[in-house]
N, C-alpha and C. Protein backbone atom coordinates (compact mmCIF):
# COMPACT_ATOMS: atom_id res chain seq x y z
N UNK A 1 0.81 -1.19 0.00
CA UNK A 1 0.00 0.00 0.00
C UNK A 1 0.86 1.26 0.00
N UNK A 2 1.87 1.25 0.78
CA UNK A 2 2.69 2.46 0.95
C UNK A 2 3.36 2.88 -0.34
N UNK A 3 3.90 1.92 -1.07
CA UNK A 3 4.70 2.26 -2.25
C UNK A 3 3.92 2.18 -3.55
N UNK A 4 2.63 2.04 -3.47
CA UNK A 4 1.80 2.11 -4.66
C UNK A 4 1.75 0.85 -5.49
N UNK A 5 2.13 -0.28 -4.93
CA UNK A 5 2.06 -1.53 -5.68
C UNK A 5 0.60 -1.84 -5.95
N UNK A 6 0.25 -1.96 -7.21
CA UNK A 6 -1.13 -2.21 -7.59
C UNK A 6 -1.99 -0.95 -7.56
N UNK A 7 -1.34 0.20 -7.42
CA UNK A 7 -2.05 1.47 -7.36
C UNK A 7 -1.35 2.46 -8.28
N UNK A 8 -1.96 3.61 -8.45
CA UNK A 8 -1.38 4.62 -9.32
C UNK A 8 -0.26 5.41 -8.67
N UNK A 9 -0.26 5.51 -7.34
CA UNK A 9 0.76 6.31 -6.67
C UNK A 9 0.97 5.83 -5.24
N UNK A 10 2.02 6.38 -4.61
CA UNK A 10 2.29 6.07 -3.21
C UNK A 10 1.21 6.69 -2.34
N UNK A 11 1.04 6.14 -1.16
CA UNK A 11 0.08 6.70 -0.20
C UNK A 11 0.84 7.12 1.05
N UNK A 12 0.34 8.11 1.72
CA UNK A 12 1.00 8.59 2.93
C UNK A 12 0.72 7.64 4.09
N UNK A 13 1.60 7.70 5.08
CA UNK A 13 1.40 6.92 6.29
C UNK A 13 0.08 7.31 6.96
N UNK A 14 -0.22 8.59 6.92
CA UNK A 14 -1.45 9.08 7.54
C UNK A 14 -2.69 8.50 6.84
N UNK A 15 -2.68 8.46 5.51
CA UNK A 15 -3.82 7.92 4.76
C UNK A 15 -4.02 6.44 5.05
N UNK A 16 -2.93 5.70 5.12
CA UNK A 16 -3.02 4.27 5.43
C UNK A 16 -3.53 4.07 6.85
N UNK A 17 -3.01 4.86 7.77
CA UNK A 17 -3.45 4.78 9.16
C UNK A 17 -4.93 5.04 9.32
N UNK A 18 -5.43 6.05 8.61
CA UNK A 18 -6.87 6.35 8.68
C UNK A 18 -7.69 5.16 8.19
N UNK A 19 -7.23 4.53 7.11
CA UNK A 19 -7.98 3.40 6.55
C UNK A 19 -8.08 2.23 7.53
N UNK A 20 -7.00 2.00 8.29
CA UNK A 20 -6.96 0.87 9.21
C UNK A 20 -7.25 1.24 10.66
N UNK A 21 -7.46 2.53 10.91
CA UNK A 21 -7.77 2.95 12.27
C UNK A 21 -6.58 2.89 13.21
N UNK A 22 -5.38 3.15 12.69
CA UNK A 22 -4.17 3.16 13.51
C UNK A 22 -3.39 4.44 13.22
N UNK A 23 -2.42 4.75 14.06
CA UNK A 23 -1.65 5.97 13.88
C UNK A 23 -0.64 5.82 12.74
N UNK A 24 -0.19 6.95 12.21
CA UNK A 24 0.82 6.89 11.15
C UNK A 24 2.12 6.31 11.69
N UNK A 25 2.40 6.53 12.98
CA UNK A 25 3.60 5.95 13.59
C UNK A 25 3.50 4.43 13.61
N UNK A 26 2.33 3.89 13.91
CA UNK A 26 2.15 2.43 13.92
C UNK A 26 2.29 1.87 12.51
N UNK A 27 1.79 2.58 11.52
CA UNK A 27 1.96 2.16 10.12
C UNK A 27 3.45 2.09 9.80
N UNK A 28 4.20 3.11 10.21
CA UNK A 28 5.64 3.14 9.95
C UNK A 28 6.33 1.95 10.62
N UNK A 29 5.96 1.65 11.86
CA UNK A 29 6.55 0.52 12.58
C UNK A 29 6.28 -0.80 11.87
N UNK A 30 5.06 -0.99 11.41
CA UNK A 30 4.69 -2.22 10.71
C UNK A 30 5.46 -2.34 9.40
N UNK A 31 5.57 -1.23 8.66
CA UNK A 31 6.30 -1.25 7.39
C UNK A 31 7.78 -1.53 7.63
N UNK A 32 8.37 -0.91 8.65
CA UNK A 32 9.78 -1.15 8.96
C UNK A 32 10.03 -2.62 9.31
N UNK A 33 9.13 -3.19 10.09
CA UNK A 33 9.28 -4.60 10.48
C UNK A 33 9.19 -5.52 9.26
N UNK A 34 8.24 -5.23 8.38
CA UNK A 34 8.08 -6.04 7.17
C UNK A 34 9.32 -5.96 6.29
N UNK A 35 9.88 -4.76 6.13
CA UNK A 35 11.08 -4.60 5.31
C UNK A 35 12.28 -5.32 5.93
N UNK A 36 12.39 -5.29 7.27
CA UNK A 36 13.48 -6.01 7.93
C UNK A 36 13.36 -7.51 7.67
N UNK A 37 12.14 -8.03 7.71
CA UNK A 37 11.93 -9.45 7.45
C UNK A 37 12.31 -9.81 6.02
N UNK A 38 11.96 -8.95 5.07
CA UNK A 38 12.29 -9.22 3.67
C UNK A 38 13.79 -9.16 3.41
N UNK A 39 14.50 -8.34 4.18
CA UNK A 39 15.95 -8.22 4.01
C UNK A 39 16.72 -9.34 4.70
N UNK A 40 16.08 -10.11 5.55
CA UNK A 40 16.74 -11.17 6.29
C UNK A 40 17.24 -12.24 5.34
N UNK A 41 18.39 -12.85 5.68
CA UNK A 41 18.92 -13.92 4.82
C UNK A 41 17.89 -15.04 4.64
N UNK A 42 17.69 -15.44 3.41
CA UNK A 42 16.77 -16.52 3.09
C UNK A 42 15.32 -16.10 2.97
N UNK A 43 15.00 -14.87 3.30
CA UNK A 43 13.61 -14.43 3.26
C UNK A 43 13.05 -14.44 1.84
N UNK A 44 13.88 -14.15 0.88
CA UNK A 44 13.41 -14.07 -0.50
C UNK A 44 13.20 -15.44 -1.13
N UNK A 45 13.78 -16.47 -0.55
CA UNK A 45 13.69 -17.81 -1.14
C UNK A 45 12.24 -18.26 -1.33
N UNK A 46 11.39 -18.05 -0.34
CA UNK A 46 10.00 -18.49 -0.46
C UNK A 46 9.17 -17.57 -1.36
N UNK A 47 9.72 -16.42 -1.74
CA UNK A 47 9.00 -15.51 -2.63
C UNK A 47 9.32 -15.75 -4.10
N UNK A 48 10.35 -16.52 -4.36
CA UNK A 48 10.78 -16.76 -5.75
C UNK A 48 9.69 -17.41 -6.60
N UNK A 49 8.81 -18.17 -5.99
CA UNK A 49 7.74 -18.83 -6.75
C UNK A 49 6.79 -17.82 -7.38
N UNK A 50 6.76 -16.60 -6.85
CA UNK A 50 5.88 -15.56 -7.38
C UNK A 50 6.54 -14.71 -8.45
N UNK A 51 7.83 -14.87 -8.63
CA UNK A 51 8.59 -14.06 -9.60
C UNK A 51 8.50 -14.70 -10.97
N UNK A 52 8.14 -13.90 -11.95
CA UNK A 52 8.08 -14.39 -13.32
C UNK A 52 9.36 -14.00 -14.04
N UNK A 53 9.96 -14.95 -14.71
CA UNK A 53 11.19 -14.66 -15.48
C UNK A 53 10.87 -14.10 -16.83
């Protein structure tokens, strides 16, 4: 949602927070945690099945 995947543009933390009923700070925390998980060694291995060559 944040980076506009499947959408026309990026959305602000505030807009996402309003949609889910949480603060923009909580949205930032969730996004940071998700990015840390994706950067972890081996995290991308299970996502390769979704990548089209």
